[in-house]
Amino acid sequence: MRIGELSKRTRIPIRMLRYYEERGLLKPERAPSGYRHYQEADVEQATLVSSLVRSGLPTRLILPLLQENQVDGDEADDGDDLVALFDAEFARLDSQVKCLSFSRNAVQQHLRRLRTNRVNQKATVA
């Protein structure tokens, strides 16, 4: 499929898909004419990348996350750095989840109060 179809199927703007390719997060085949050709698996890959980007994960961490073999012999030092980066990112995401859960609970409680008040007001009027 071409980039326009991938964009429609994933609801990711073409410009963003090109950016993902620039960063090595998507690797479409190229036709002799230069057009990008995406496989069915690229739909899932693009969706995952987009989700990770929207959650705030930096693209420099998304690439190793997508790769199967992150650390091999000569890259052990880079692997240690990568572990530290992922540890920090995990802590950031965990903090964000806690904050969102707190906010969600506060909104849920307020919504319950609002609904209870509405029911009580309707019962009083009737």
PDB file of N, CA and C in Angstrom:
ATOM      1  N   MET A   1       0.850  -1.177   0.000  1.00  0.00           N
ATOM      2  CA  MET A   1       0.000   0.000   0.000  1.00  0.00           C
ATOM      3  C   MET A   1       0.888   1.230   0.000  1.00  0.00           C
ATOM      4  N   ARG A   2       0.361   2.299  -0.514  1.00  0.00           N
ATOM      5  CA  ARG A   2       1.118   3.548  -0.568  1.00  0.00           C
ATOM      6  C   ARG A   2       0.877   4.346   0.710  1.00  0.00           C
ATOM      7  N   ILE A   3       1.626   5.423   0.865  1.00  0.00           N
ATOM      8  CA  ILE A   3       1.605   6.189   2.103  1.00  0.00           C
ATOM      9  C   ILE A   3       0.228   6.794   2.400  1.00  0.00           C
ATOM     10  N   GLY A   4      -0.491   7.199   1.359  1.00  0.00           N
ATOM     11  CA  GLY A   4      -1.822   7.765   1.565  1.00  0.00           C
ATOM     12  C   GLY A   4      -2.791   6.756   2.170  1.00  0.00           C
ATOM     13  N   GLU A   5      -2.720   5.524   1.705  1.00  0.00           N
ATOM     14  CA  GLU A   5      -3.593   4.482   2.246  1.00  0.00           C
ATOM     15  C   GLU A   5      -3.210   4.157   3.690  1.00  0.00           C
ATOM     16  N   LEU A   6      -1.900   4.094   3.955  1.00  0.00           N
ATOM     17  CA  LEU A   6      -1.455   3.843   5.326  1.00  0.00           C
ATOM     18  C   LEU A   6      -1.946   4.964   6.240  1.00  0.00           C
ATOM     19  N   SER A   7      -1.868   6.174   5.767  1.00  0.00           N
ATOM     20  CA  SER A   7      -2.342   7.319   6.539  1.00  0.00           C
ATOM     21  C   SER A   7      -3.833   7.205   6.845  1.00  0.00           C
ATOM     22  N   LYS A   8      -4.617   6.836   5.854  1.00  0.00           N
ATOM     23  CA  LYS A   8      -6.064   6.676   6.065  1.00  0.00           C
ATOM     24  C   LYS A   8      -6.362   5.557   7.048  1.00  0.00           C
ATOM     25  N   ARG A   9      -5.673   4.442   6.897  1.00  0.00           N
ATOM     26  CA  ARG A   9      -5.947   3.277   7.755  1.00  0.00           C
ATOM     27  C   ARG A   9      -5.525   3.498   9.198  1.00  0.00           C
ATOM     28  N   THR A  10      -4.468   4.268   9.402  1.00  0.00           N
ATOM     29  CA  THR A  10      -3.953   4.477  10.756  1.00  0.00           C
ATOM     30  C   THR A  10      -4.386   5.815  11.353  1.00  0.00           C
ATOM     31  N   ARG A  11      -4.908   6.685  10.496  1.00  0.00           N
ATOM     32  CA  ARG A  11      -5.271   8.056  10.906  1.00  0.00           C
ATOM     33  C   ARG A  11      -4.055   8.830  11.406  1.00  0.00           C
ATOM     34  N   ILE A  12      -2.918   8.520  10.810  1.00  0.00           N
ATOM     35  CA  ILE A  12      -1.670   9.222  11.110  1.00  0.00           C
ATOM     36  C   ILE A  12      -1.359  10.084   9.891  1.00  0.00           C
ATOM     37  N   PRO A  13      -1.127  11.377  10.087  1.00  0.00           N
ATOM     38  CA  PRO A  13      -0.830  12.243   8.936  1.00  0.00           C
ATOM     39  C   PRO A  13       0.391  11.758   8.149  1.00  0.00           C
ATOM     40  N   ILE A  14       0.336  11.960   6.863  1.00  0.00           N
ATOM     41  CA  ILE A  14       1.437  11.564   5.973  1.00  0.00           C
ATOM     42  C   ILE A  14       2.758  12.162   6.439  1.00  0.00           C
ATOM     43  N   ARG A  15       2.719  13.397   6.832  1.00  0.00           N
ATOM     44  CA  ARG A  15       3.938  14.069   7.297  1.00  0.00           C
ATOM     45  C   ARG A  15       4.559  13.318   8.482  1.00  0.00           C
ATOM     46  N   MET A  16       3.708  12.833   9.390  1.00  0.00           N
ATOM     47  CA  MET A  16       4.200  12.100  10.562  1.00  0.00           C
ATOM     48  C   MET A  16       4.770  10.742  10.142  1.00  0.00           C
ATOM     49  N   LEU A  17       4.127  10.082   9.172  1.00  0.00           N
ATOM     50  CA  LEU A  17       4.645   8.804   8.685  1.00  0.00           C
ATOM     51  C   LEU A  17       6.028   8.989   8.066  1.00  0.00           C
ATOM     52  N   ARG A  18       6.206  10.082   7.355  1.00  0.00           N
ATOM     53  CA  ARG A  18       7.527  10.369   6.773  1.00  0.00           C
ATOM     54  C   ARG A  18       8.557  10.610   7.874  1.00  0.00           C
ATOM     55  N   TYR A  19       8.137  11.297   8.925  1.00  0.00           N
ATOM     56  CA  TYR A  19       9.026  11.536  10.059  1.00  0.00           C
ATOM     57  C   TYR A  19       9.420  10.213  10.713  1.00  0.00           C
ATOM     58  N   TYR A  20       8.459   9.318  10.898  1.00  0.00           N
ATOM     59  CA  TYR A  20       8.758   8.006  11.471  1.00  0.00           C
ATOM     60  C   TYR A  20       9.782   7.269  10.608  1.00  0.00           C
ATOM     61  N   GLU A  21       9.634   7.391   9.297  1.00  0.00           N
ATOM     62  CA  GLU A  21      10.595   6.757   8.396  1.00  0.00           C
ATOM     63  C   GLU A  21      11.982   7.383   8.567  1.00  0.00           C
ATOM     64  N   GLU A  22      12.036   8.713   8.646  1.00  0.00           N
ATOM     65  CA  GLU A  22      13.304   9.423   8.855  1.00  0.00           C
ATOM     66  C   GLU A  22      14.030   8.922  10.093  1.00  0.00           C
ATOM     67  N   ARG A  23      13.275   8.666  11.150  1.00  0.00           N
ATOM     68  CA  ARG A  23      13.838   8.229  12.429  1.00  0.00           C
ATOM     69  C   ARG A  23      14.121   6.726  12.455  1.00  0.00           C
ATOM     70  N   GLY A  24      13.786   6.020  11.365  1.00  0.00           N
ATOM     71  CA  GLY A  24      14.038   4.583  11.287  1.00  0.00           C
ATOM     72  C   GLY A  24      12.973   3.741  11.966  1.00  0.00           C
ATOM     73  N   LEU A  25      11.830   4.348  12.284  1.00  0.00           N
ATOM     74  CA  LEU A  25      10.756   3.650  12.982  1.00  0.00           C
ATOM     75  C   LEU A  25       9.846   2.894  12.027  1.00  0.00           C
ATOM     76  N   LEU A  26       9.830   3.302  10.791  1.00  0.00           N
ATOM     77  CA  LEU A  26       9.135   2.605   9.705  1.00  0.00           C
ATOM     78  C   LEU A  26      10.138   2.429   8.575  1.00  0.00           C
ATOM     79  N   LYS A  27      10.068   1.289   7.912  1.00  0.00           N
ATOM     80  CA  LYS A  27      11.013   1.021   6.829  1.00  0.00           C
ATOM     81  C   LYS A  27      10.260   0.498   5.606  1.00  0.00           C
ATOM     82  N   PRO A  28       9.613   1.402   4.881  1.00  0.00           N
ATOM     83  CA  PRO A  28       8.880   0.950   3.703  1.00  0.00           C
ATOM     84  C   PRO A  28       9.839   0.549   2.585  1.00  0.00           C
ATOM     85  N   GLU A  29       9.341  -0.322   1.741  1.00  0.00           N
ATOM     86  CA  GLU A  29      10.095  -0.651   0.537  1.00  0.00           C
ATOM     87  C   GLU A  29       9.931   0.526  -0.420  1.00  0.00           C
ATOM     88  N   ARG A  30      10.851   0.643  -1.347  1.00  0.00           N
ATOM     89  CA  ARG A  30      10.761   1.708  -2.351  1.00  0.00           C
ATOM     90  C   ARG A  30      10.608   1.087  -3.727  1.00  0.00           C
ATOM     91  N   ALA A  31       9.625   1.578  -4.453  1.00  0.00           N
ATOM     92  CA  ALA A  31       9.439   1.153  -5.841  1.00  0.00           C
ATOM     93  C   ALA A  31      10.525   1.819  -6.691  1.00  0.00           C
ATOM     94  N   PRO A  32      10.782   1.295  -7.877  1.00  0.00           N
ATOM     95  CA  PRO A  32      11.778   1.938  -8.753  1.00  0.00           C
ATOM     96  C   PRO A  32      11.466   3.418  -8.999  1.00  0.00           C
ATOM     97  N   SER A  33      10.193   3.764  -8.945  1.00  0.00           N
ATOM     98  CA  SER A  33       9.796   5.155  -9.144  1.00  0.00           C
ATOM     99  C   SER A  33      10.068   6.015  -7.912  1.00  0.00           C
ATOM    100  N   GLY A  34      10.434   5.377  -6.794  1.00  0.00           N
ATOM    101  CA  GLY A  34      10.711   6.115  -5.571  1.00  0.00           C
ATOM    102  C   GLY A  34       9.545   6.130  -4.589  1.00  0.00           C
ATOM    103  N   TYR A  35       8.381   5.664  -5.042  1.00  0.00           N
ATOM    104  CA  TYR A  35       7.225   5.635  -4.146  1.00  0.00           C
ATOM    105  C   TYR A  35       7.435   4.638  -3.018  1.00  0.00           C
ATOM    106  N   ARG A  36       6.957   5.023  -1.847  1.00  0.00           N
ATOM    107  CA  ARG A  36       7.024   4.119  -0.697  1.00  0.00           C
ATOM    108  C   ARG A  36       5.950   3.050  -0.862  1.00  0.00           C
ATOM    109  N   HIS A  37       6.295   1.836  -0.452  1.00  0.00           N
ATOM    110  CA  HIS A  37       5.319   0.749  -0.456  1.00  0.00           C
ATOM    111  C   HIS A  37       5.350   0.100   0.917  1.00  0.00           C
ATOM    112  N   TYR A  38       4.208   0.136   1.596  1.00  0.00           N
ATOM    113  CA  TYR A  38       4.098  -0.399   2.955  1.00  0.00           C
ATOM    114  C   TYR A  38       3.434  -1.763   2.936  1.00  0.00           C
ATOM    115  N   GLN A  39       3.856  -2.602   3.869  1.00  0.00           N
ATOM    116  CA  GLN A  39       3.274  -3.926   4.041  1.00  0.00           C
ATOM    117  C   GLN A  39       2.144  -3.850   5.066  1.00  0.00           C
ATOM    118  N   GLU A  40       1.377  -4.906   5.150  1.00  0.00           N
ATOM    119  CA  GLU A  40       0.285  -4.978   6.121  1.00  0.00           C
ATOM    120  C   GLU A  40       0.815  -4.813   7.547  1.00  0.00           C
ATOM    121  N   ALA A  41       1.987  -5.370   7.838  1.00  0.00           N
ATOM    122  CA  ALA A  41       2.579  -5.274   9.181  1.00  0.00           C
ATOM    123  C   ALA A  41       2.906  -3.823   9.551  1.00  0.00           C
ATOM    124  N   ASP A  42       3.106  -2.975   8.550  1.00  0.00           N
ATOM    125  CA  ASP A  42       3.413  -1.570   8.820  1.00  0.00           C
ATOM    126  C   ASP A  42       2.229  -0.821   9.432  1.00  0.00           C
ATOM    127  N   VAL A  43       1.018  -1.317   9.213  1.00  0.00           N
ATOM    128  CA  VAL A  43      -0.164  -0.691   9.825  1.00  0.00           C
ATOM    129  C   VAL A  43      -0.044  -0.794  11.345  1.00  0.00           C
ATOM    130  N   GLU A  44       0.245  -1.996  11.819  1.00  0.00           N
ATOM    131  CA  GLU A  44       0.390  -2.211  13.263  1.00  0.00           C
ATOM    132  C   GLU A  44       1.605  -1.457  13.803  1.00  0.00           C
ATOM    133  N   GLN A  45       2.700  -1.497  13.062  1.00  0.00           N
ATOM    134  CA  GLN A  45       3.928  -0.815  13.495  1.00  0.00           C
ATOM    135  C   GLN A  45       3.692   0.686  13.615  1.00  0.00           C
ATOM    136  N   ALA A  46       3.071   1.287  12.610  1.00  0.00           N
ATOM    137  CA  ALA A  46       2.813   2.731  12.632  1.00  0.00           C
ATOM    138  C   ALA A  46       1.876   3.087  13.782  1.00  0.00           C
ATOM    139  N   THR A  47       0.880   2.253  14.023  1.00  0.00           N
ATOM    140  CA  THR A  47      -0.067   2.498  15.111  1.00  0.00           C
ATOM    141  C   THR A  47       0.643   2.435  16.462  1.00  0.00           C
ATOM    142  N   LEU A  48       1.514   1.444  16.633  1.00  0.00           N
ATOM    143  CA  LEU A  48       2.274   1.315  17.873  1.00  0.00           C
ATOM    144  C   LEU A  48       3.184   2.523  18.074  1.00  0.00           C
ATOM    145  N   VAL A  49       3.902   2.893  17.031  1.00  0.00           N
ATOM    146  CA  VAL A  49       4.815   4.039  17.119  1.00  0.00           C
ATOM    147  C   VAL A  49       4.039   5.295  17.491  1.00  0.00           C
ATOM    148  N   SER A  50       2.925   5.518  16.829  1.00  0.00           N
ATOM    149  CA  SER A  50       2.104   6.695  17.105  1.00  0.00           C
ATOM    150  C   SER A  50       1.633   6.716  18.561  1.00  0.00           C
ATOM    151  N   SER A  51       1.218   5.570  19.047  1.00  0.00           N
ATOM    152  CA  SER A  51       0.769   5.466  20.441  1.00  0.00           C
ATOM    153  C   SER A  51       1.909   5.779  21.407  1.00  0.00           C
ATOM    154  N   LEU A  52       3.076   5.251  21.129  1.00  0.00           N
ATOM    155  CA  LEU A  52       4.235   5.506  21.989  1.00  0.00           C
ATOM    156  C   LEU A  52       4.633   6.980  21.958  1.00  0.00           C
ATOM    157  N   VAL A  53       4.585   7.582  20.783  1.00  0.00           N
ATOM    158  CA  VAL A  53       4.908   9.010  20.654  1.00  0.00           C
ATOM    159  C   VAL A  53       3.892   9.845  21.433  1.00  0.00           C
ATOM    160  N   ARG A  54       2.596   9.514  21.277  1.00  0.00           N
ATOM    161  CA  ARG A  54       1.551  10.268  21.987  1.00  0.00           C
ATOM    162  C   ARG A  54       1.668  10.128  23.500  1.00  0.00           C
ATOM    163  N   SER A  55       2.211   9.003  23.966  1.00  0.00           N
ATOM    164  CA  SER A  55       2.377   8.811  25.407  1.00  0.00           C
ATOM    165  C   SER A  55       3.589   9.568  25.931  1.00  0.00           C
ATOM    166  N   GLY A  56       4.348  10.156  25.024  1.00  0.00           N
ATOM    167  CA  GLY A  56       5.490  10.964  25.431  1.00  0.00           C
ATOM    168  C   GLY A  56       6.831  10.271  25.331  1.00  0.00           C
ATOM    169  N   LEU A  57       6.850   9.038  24.826  1.00  0.00           N
ATOM    170  CA  LEU A  57       8.117   8.317  24.706  1.00  0.00           C
ATOM    171  C   LEU A  57       8.952   8.948  23.592  1.00  0.00           C
ATOM    172  N   PRO A  58      10.193   9.308  23.886  1.00  0.00           N
ATOM    173  CA  PRO A  58      11.032   9.910  22.843  1.00  0.00           C
ATOM    174  C   PRO A  58      11.349   8.899  21.740  1.00  0.00           C
ATOM    175  N   THR A  59      11.447   9.375  20.523  1.00  0.00           N
ATOM    176  CA  THR A  59      11.706   8.475  19.398  1.00  0.00           C
ATOM    177  C   THR A  59      13.040   7.750  19.555  1.00  0.00           C
ATOM    178  N   ARG A  60      13.995   8.346  20.255  1.00  0.00           N
ATOM    179  CA  ARG A  60      15.290   7.671  20.453  1.00  0.00           C
ATOM    180  C   ARG A  60      15.132   6.408  21.291  1.00  0.00           C
ATOM    181  N   LEU A  61      14.055   6.313  22.071  1.00  0.00           N
ATOM    182  CA  LEU A  61      13.794   5.104  22.852  1.00  0.00           C
ATOM    183  C   LEU A  61      12.852   4.156  22.125  1.00  0.00           C
ATOM    184  N   ILE A  62      12.079   4.680  21.203  1.00  0.00           N
ATOM    185  CA  ILE A  62      11.139   3.820  20.477  1.00  0.00           C
ATOM    186  C   ILE A  62      11.894   2.861  19.566  1.00  0.00           C
ATOM    187  N   LEU A  63      12.929   3.332  18.911  1.00  0.00           N
ATOM    188  CA  LEU A  63      13.673   2.486  17.983  1.00  0.00           C
ATOM    189  C   LEU A  63      14.239   1.238  18.671  1.00  0.00           C
ATOM    190  N   PRO A  64      14.966   1.373  19.782  1.00  0.00           N
ATOM    191  CA  PRO A  64      15.459   0.140  20.419  1.00  0.00           C
ATOM    192  C   PRO A  64      14.328  -0.719  20.980  1.00  0.00           C
ATOM    193  N   LEU A  65      13.224  -0.083  21.340  1.00  0.00           N
ATOM    194  CA  LEU A  65      12.071  -0.832  21.838  1.00  0.00           C
ATOM    195  C   LEU A  65      11.506  -1.735  20.745  1.00  0.00           C
ATOM    196  N   LEU A  66      11.573  -1.268  19.506  1.00  0.00           N
ATOM    197  CA  LEU A  66      11.045  -2.030  18.374  1.00  0.00           C
ATOM    198  C   LEU A  66      12.010  -3.105  17.887  1.00  0.00           C
ATOM    199  N   GLN A  67      13.275  -2.952  18.211  1.00  0.00           N
ATOM    200  CA  GLN A  67      14.290  -3.904  17.737  1.00  0.00           C
ATOM    201  C   GLN A  67      14.348  -5.110  18.662  1.00  0.00           C
ATOM    202  N   GLU A  68      14.531  -6.271  18.087  1.00  0.00           N
ATOM    203  CA  GLU A  68      14.572  -7.502  18.879  1.00  0.00           C
ATOM    204  C   GLU A  68      15.880  -7.658  19.634  1.00  0.00           C
ATOM    205  N   ASN A  69      16.990  -7.452  18.962  1.00  0.00           N
ATOM    206  CA  ASN A  69      18.313  -7.624  19.597  1.00  0.00           C
ATOM    207  C   ASN A  69      18.892  -6.254  19.902  1.00  0.00           C
ATOM    208  N   GLN A  70      18.686  -5.805  21.130  1.00  0.00           N
ATOM    209  CA  GLN A  70      19.107  -4.450  21.484  1.00  0.00           C
ATOM    210  C   GLN A  70      20.578  -4.370  21.853  1.00  0.00           C
ATOM    211  N   VAL A  71      21.076  -5.394  22.536  1.00  0.00           N
ATOM    212  CA  VAL A  71      22.454  -5.335  23.010  1.00  0.00           C
ATOM    213  C   VAL A  71      23.173  -6.592  22.541  1.00  0.00           C
ATOM    214  N   ASP A  72      24.283  -6.400  21.848  1.00  0.00           N
ATOM    215  CA  ASP A  72      25.135  -7.534  21.515  1.00  0.00           C
ATOM    216  C   ASP A  72      26.581  -7.139  21.805  1.00  0.00           C
ATOM    217  N   GLY A  73      27.450  -8.094  21.858  1.00  0.00           N
ATOM    218  CA  GLY A  73      28.852  -7.950  22.233  1.00  0.00           C
ATOM    219  C   GLY A  73      29.427  -6.550  22.316  1.00  0.00           C
ATOM    220  N   ASP A  74      29.664  -5.893  21.182  1.00  0.00           N
ATOM    221  CA  ASP A  74      30.367  -4.612  21.150  1.00  0.00           C
ATOM    222  C   ASP A  74      29.546  -3.461  21.708  1.00  0.00           C
ATOM    223  N   GLU A  75      28.266  -3.649  21.879  1.00  0.00           N
ATOM    224  CA  GLU A  75      27.402  -2.536  22.295  1.00  0.00           C
ATOM    225  C   GLU A  75      27.023  -2.619  23.766  1.00  0.00           C
ATOM    226  N   ALA A  76      27.792  -3.322  24.580  1.00  0.00           N
ATOM    227  CA  ALA A  76      27.452  -3.503  25.999  1.00  0.00           C
ATOM    228  C   ALA A  76      27.367  -2.174  26.729  1.00  0.00           C
ATOM    229  N   ASP A  77      28.306  -1.249  26.461  1.00  0.00           N
ATOM    230  CA  ASP A  77      28.259   0.055  27.126  1.00  0.00           C
ATOM    231  C   ASP A  77      27.020   0.828  26.720  1.00  0.00           C
ATOM    232  N   ASP A  78      26.706   0.800  25.436  1.00  0.00           N
ATOM    233  CA  ASP A  78      25.479   1.447  24.968  1.00  0.00           C
ATOM    234  C   ASP A  78      24.270   0.799  25.623  1.00  0.00           C
ATOM    235  N   GLY A  79      24.352  -0.515  25.851  1.00  0.00           N
ATOM    236  CA  GLY A  79      23.258  -1.241  26.494  1.00  0.00           C
ATOM    237  C   GLY A  79      23.023  -0.747  27.908  1.00  0.00           C
ATOM    238  N   ASP A  80      24.103  -0.459  28.637  1.00  0.00           N
ATOM    239  CA  ASP A  80      23.965   0.082  29.994  1.00  0.00           C
ATOM    240  C   ASP A  80      23.289   1.449  29.960  1.00  0.00           C
ATOM    241  N   ASP A  81      23.687   2.260  29.013  1.00  0.00           N
ATOM    242  CA  ASP A  81      23.063   3.575  28.863  1.00  0.00           C
ATOM    243  C   ASP A  81      21.586   3.425  28.518  1.00  0.00           C
ATOM    244  N   LEU A  82      21.297   2.466  27.672  1.00  0.00           N
ATOM    245  CA  LEU A  82      19.919   2.217  27.259  1.00  0.00           C
ATOM    246  C   LEU A  82      19.073   1.766  28.445  1.00  0.00           C
ATOM    247  N   VAL A  83      19.635   0.909  29.282  1.00  0.00           N
ATOM    248  CA  VAL A  83      18.917   0.462  30.478  1.00  0.00           C
ATOM    249  C   VAL A  83      18.609   1.661  31.371  1.00  0.00           C
ATOM    250  N   ALA A  84      19.570   2.535  31.550  1.00  0.00           N
ATOM    251  CA  ALA A  84      19.364   3.726  32.383  1.00  0.00           C
ATOM    252  C   ALA A  84      18.280   4.623  31.789  1.00  0.00           C
ATOM    253  N   LEU A  85      18.313   4.786  30.473  1.00  0.00           N
ATOM    254  CA  LEU A  85      17.288   5.619  29.814  1.00  0.00           C
ATOM    255  C   LEU A  85      15.895   5.000  29.982  1.00  0.00           C
ATOM    256  N   PHE A  86      15.806   3.681  29.808  1.00  0.00           N
ATOM    257  CA  PHE A  86      14.511   3.023  29.956  1.00  0.00           C
ATOM    258  C   PHE A  86      14.044   3.017  31.409  1.00  0.00           C
ATOM    259  N   ASP A  87      14.977   2.903  32.354  1.00  0.00           N
ATOM    260  CA  ASP A  87      14.610   3.008  33.774  1.00  0.00           C
ATOM    261  C   ASP A  87      13.997   4.374  34.068  1.00  0.00           C
ATOM    262  N   ALA A  88      14.641   5.410  33.573  1.00  0.00           N
ATOM    263  CA  ALA A  88      14.139   6.772  33.791  1.00  0.00           C
ATOM    264  C   ALA A  88      12.785   6.968  33.119  1.00  0.00           C
ATOM    265  N   GLU A  89      12.652   6.428  31.927  1.00  0.00           N
ATOM    266  CA  GLU A  89      11.385   6.567  31.204  1.00  0.00           C
ATOM    267  C   GLU A  89      10.277   5.797  31.907  1.00  0.00           C
ATOM    268  N   PHE A  90      10.605   4.620  32.422  1.00  0.00           N
ATOM    269  CA  PHE A  90       9.611   3.838  33.156  1.00  0.00           C
ATOM    270  C   PHE A  90       9.136   4.594  34.393  1.00  0.00           C
ATOM    271  N   ALA A  91      10.067   5.197  35.101  1.00  0.00           N
ATOM    272  CA  ALA A  91       9.712   5.982  36.295  1.00  0.00           C
ATOM    273  C   ALA A  91       8.828   7.163  35.917  1.00  0.00           C
ATOM    274  N   ARG A  92       9.152   7.831  34.809  1.00  0.00           N
ATOM    275  CA  ARG A  92       8.340   8.965  34.349  1.00  0.00           C
ATOM    276  C   ARG A  92       6.928   8.512  34.006  1.00  0.00           C
ATOM    277  N   LEU A  93       6.828   7.412  33.260  1.00  0.00           N
ATOM    278  CA  LEU A  93       5.513   6.898  32.871  1.00  0.00           C
ATOM    279  C   LEU A  93       4.716   6.429  34.085  1.00  0.00           C
ATOM    280  N   ASP A  94       5.394   5.787  35.026  1.00  0.00           N
ATOM    281  CA  ASP A  94       4.724   5.326  36.236  1.00  0.00           C
ATOM    282  C   ASP A  94       4.158   6.510  37.018  1.00  0.00           C
ATOM    283  N   SER A  95       4.926   7.570  37.119  1.00  0.00           N
ATOM    284  CA  SER A  95       4.460   8.784  37.791  1.00  0.00           C
ATOM    285  C   SER A  95       3.263   9.387  37.058  1.00  0.00           C
ATOM    286  N   GLN A  96       3.332   9.380  35.740  1.00  0.00           N
ATOM    287  CA  GLN A  96       2.244   9.912  34.921  1.00  0.00           C
ATOM    288  C   GLN A  96       0.970   9.083  35.111  1.00  0.00           C
ATOM    289  N   VAL A  97       1.108   7.764  35.164  1.00  0.00           N
ATOM    290  CA  VAL A  97      -0.041   6.884  35.369  1.00  0.00           C
ATOM    291  C   VAL A  97      -0.673   7.162  36.733  1.00  0.00           C
ATOM    292  N   LYS A  98       0.154   7.312  37.756  1.00  0.00           N
ATOM    293  CA  LYS A  98      -0.362   7.613  39.095  1.00  0.00           C
ATOM    294  C   LYS A  98      -1.117   8.937  39.103  1.00  0.00           C
ATOM    295  N   CYS A  99      -0.558   9.935  38.462  1.00  0.00           N
ATOM    296  CA  CYS A  99      -1.197  11.250  38.387  1.00  0.00           C
ATOM    297  C   CYS A  99      -2.520  11.165  37.641  1.00  0.00           C
ATOM    298  N   LEU A 100      -2.518  10.462  36.521  1.00  0.00           N
ATOM    299  CA  LEU A 100      -3.752  10.303  35.752  1.00  0.00           C
ATOM    300  C   LEU A 100      -4.800   9.520  36.540  1.00  0.00           C
ATOM    301  N   SER A 101      -4.383   8.504  37.262  1.00  0.00           N
ATOM    302  CA  SER A 101      -5.319   7.719  38.075  1.00  0.00           C
ATOM    303  C   SER A 101      -5.934   8.581  39.165  1.00  0.00           C
ATOM    304  N   PHE A 102      -5.119   9.415  39.799  1.00  0.00           N
ATOM    305  CA  PHE A 102      -5.624  10.322  40.825  1.00  0.00           C
ATOM    306  C   PHE A 102      -6.660  11.273  40.224  1.00  0.00           C
ATOM    307  N   SER A 103      -6.328  11.855  39.079  1.00  0.00           N
ATOM    308  CA  SER A 103      -7.250  12.779  38.409  1.00  0.00           C
ATOM    309  C   SER A 103      -8.521  12.067  37.975  1.00  0.00           C
ATOM    310  N   ARG A 104      -8.371  10.870  37.448  1.00  0.00           N
ATOM    311  CA  ARG A 104      -9.532  10.091  37.014  1.00  0.00           C
ATOM    312  C   ARG A 104     -10.461   9.821  38.182  1.00  0.00           C
ATOM    313  N   ASN A 105      -9.899   9.418  39.312  1.00  0.00           N
ATOM    314  CA  ASN A 105     -10.721   9.143  40.490  1.00  0.00           C
ATOM    315  C   ASN A 105     -11.436  10.399  40.982  1.00  0.00           C
ATOM    316  N   ALA A 106     -10.744  11.531  40.973  1.00  0.00           N
ATOM    317  CA  ALA A 106     -11.361  12.789  41.402  1.00  0.00           C
ATOM    318  C   ALA A 106     -12.524  13.154  40.483  1.00  0.00           C
ATOM    319  N   VAL A 107     -12.333  13.020  39.189  1.00  0.00           N
ATOM    320  CA  VAL A 107     -13.400  13.323  38.234  1.00  0.00           C
ATOM    321  C   VAL A 107     -14.555  12.340  38.407  1.00  0.00           C
ATOM    322  N   GLN A 108     -14.255  11.079  38.608  1.00  0.00           N
ATOM    323  CA  GLN A 108     -15.294  10.069  38.796  1.00  0.00           C
ATOM    324  C   GLN A 108     -16.131  10.363  40.044  1.00  0.00           C
ATOM    325  N   GLN A 109     -15.483  10.730  41.135  1.00  0.00           N
ATOM    326  CA  GLN A 109     -16.214  11.064  42.359  1.00  0.00           C
ATOM    327  C   GLN A 109     -17.104  12.284  42.163  1.00  0.00           C
ATOM    328  N   HIS A 110     -16.564  13.293  41.490  1.00  0.00           N
ATOM    329  CA  HIS A 110     -17.357  14.506  41.237  1.00  0.00           C
ATOM    330  C   HIS A 110     -18.548  14.187  40.340  1.00  0.00           C
ATOM    331  N   LEU A 111     -18.331  13.365  39.353  1.00  0.00           N
ATOM    332  CA  LEU A 111     -19.411  12.970  38.449  1.00  0.00           C
ATOM    333  C   LEU A 111     -20.510  12.229  39.215  1.00  0.00           C
ATOM    334  N   ARG A 112     -20.123  11.368  40.124  1.00  0.00           N
ATOM    335  CA  ARG A 112     -21.115  10.672  40.960  1.00  0.00           C
ATOM    336  C   ARG A 112     -21.944  11.666  41.779  1.00  0.00           C
ATOM    337  N   ARG A 113     -21.250  12.663  42.380  1.00  0.00           N
ATOM    338  CA  ARG A 113     -21.969  13.681  43.157  1.00  0.00           C
ATOM    339  C   ARG A 113     -22.937  14.455  42.281  1.00  0.00           C
ATOM    340  N   LEU A 114     -22.468  14.830  41.094  1.00  0.00           N
ATOM    341  CA  LEU A 114     -23.341  15.580  40.175  1.00  0.00           C
ATOM    342  C   LEU A 114     -24.568  14.766  39.799  1.00  0.00           C
ATOM    343  N   ARG A 115     -24.363  13.501  39.489  1.00  0.00           N
ATOM    344  CA  ARG A 115     -25.494  12.641  39.110  1.00  0.00           C
ATOM    345  C   ARG A 115     -26.451  12.436  40.283  1.00  0.00           C
ATOM    346  N   THR A 116     -25.906  12.242  41.472  1.00  0.00           N
ATOM    347  CA  THR A 116     -26.745  12.071  42.656  1.00  0.00           C
ATOM    348  C   THR A 116     -27.563  13.335  42.903  1.00  0.00           C
ATOM    349  N   ASN A 117     -26.930  14.506  42.796  1.00  0.00           N
ATOM    350  CA  ASN A 117     -27.637  15.780  42.983  1.00  0.00           C
ATOM    351  C   ASN A 117     -28.745  15.950  41.951  1.00  0.00           C
ATOM    352  N   ARG A 118     -28.488  15.571  40.711  1.00  0.00           N
ATOM    353  CA  ARG A 118     -29.520  15.687  39.662  1.00  0.00           C
ATOM    354  C   ARG A 118     -30.713  14.800  39.975  1.00  0.00           C
ATOM    355  N   VAL A 119     -30.437  13.571  40.390  1.00  0.00           N
ATOM    356  CA  VAL A 119     -31.509  12.629  40.723  1.00  0.00           C
ATOM    357  C   VAL A 119     -32.322  13.187  41.894  1.00  0.00           C
ATOM    358  N   ASN A 120     -31.637  13.717  42.914  1.00  0.00           N
ATOM    359  CA  ASN A 120     -32.315  14.278  44.073  1.00  0.00           C
ATOM    360  C   ASN A 120     -33.148  15.495  43.699  1.00  0.00           C
ATOM    361  N   GLN A 121     -32.622  16.353  42.810  1.00  0.00           N
ATOM    362  CA  GLN A 121     -33.365  17.543  42.378  1.00  0.00           C
ATOM    363  C   GLN A 121     -34.617  17.142  41.601  1.00  0.00           C
ATOM    364  N   LYS A 122     -34.521  16.159  40.745  1.00  0.00           N
ATOM    365  CA  LYS A 122     -35.674  15.711  39.971  1.00  0.00           C
ATOM    366  C   LYS A 122     -36.727  15.094  40.902  1.00  0.00           C
ATOM    367  N   ALA A 123     -36.273  14.362  41.915  1.00  0.00           N
ATOM    368  CA  ALA A 123     -37.201  13.734  42.852  1.00  0.00           C
ATOM    369  C   ALA A 123     -37.913  14.809  43.674  1.00  0.00           C
ATOM    370  N   THR A 124     -37.225  15.896  44.015  1.00  0.00           N
ATOM    371  CA  THR A 124     -37.812  16.985  44.788  1.00  0.00           C
ATOM    372  C   THR A 124     -38.847  17.742  43.955  1.00  0.00           C
ATOM    373  N   VAL A 125     -38.551  17.948  42.690  1.00  0.00           N
ATOM    374  CA  VAL A 125     -39.461  18.679  41.789  1.00  0.00           C
ATOM    375  C   VAL A 125     -40.716  17.855  41.517  1.00  0.00           C
ATOM    376  N   ALA A 126     -40.583  16.554  41.408  1.00  0.00           N
ATOM    377  CA  ALA A 126     -41.710  15.683  41.072  1.00  0.00           C
ATOM    378  C   ALA A 126     -42.578  15.499  42.268  1.00  0.00           C
TER     379      ALA A 126
END
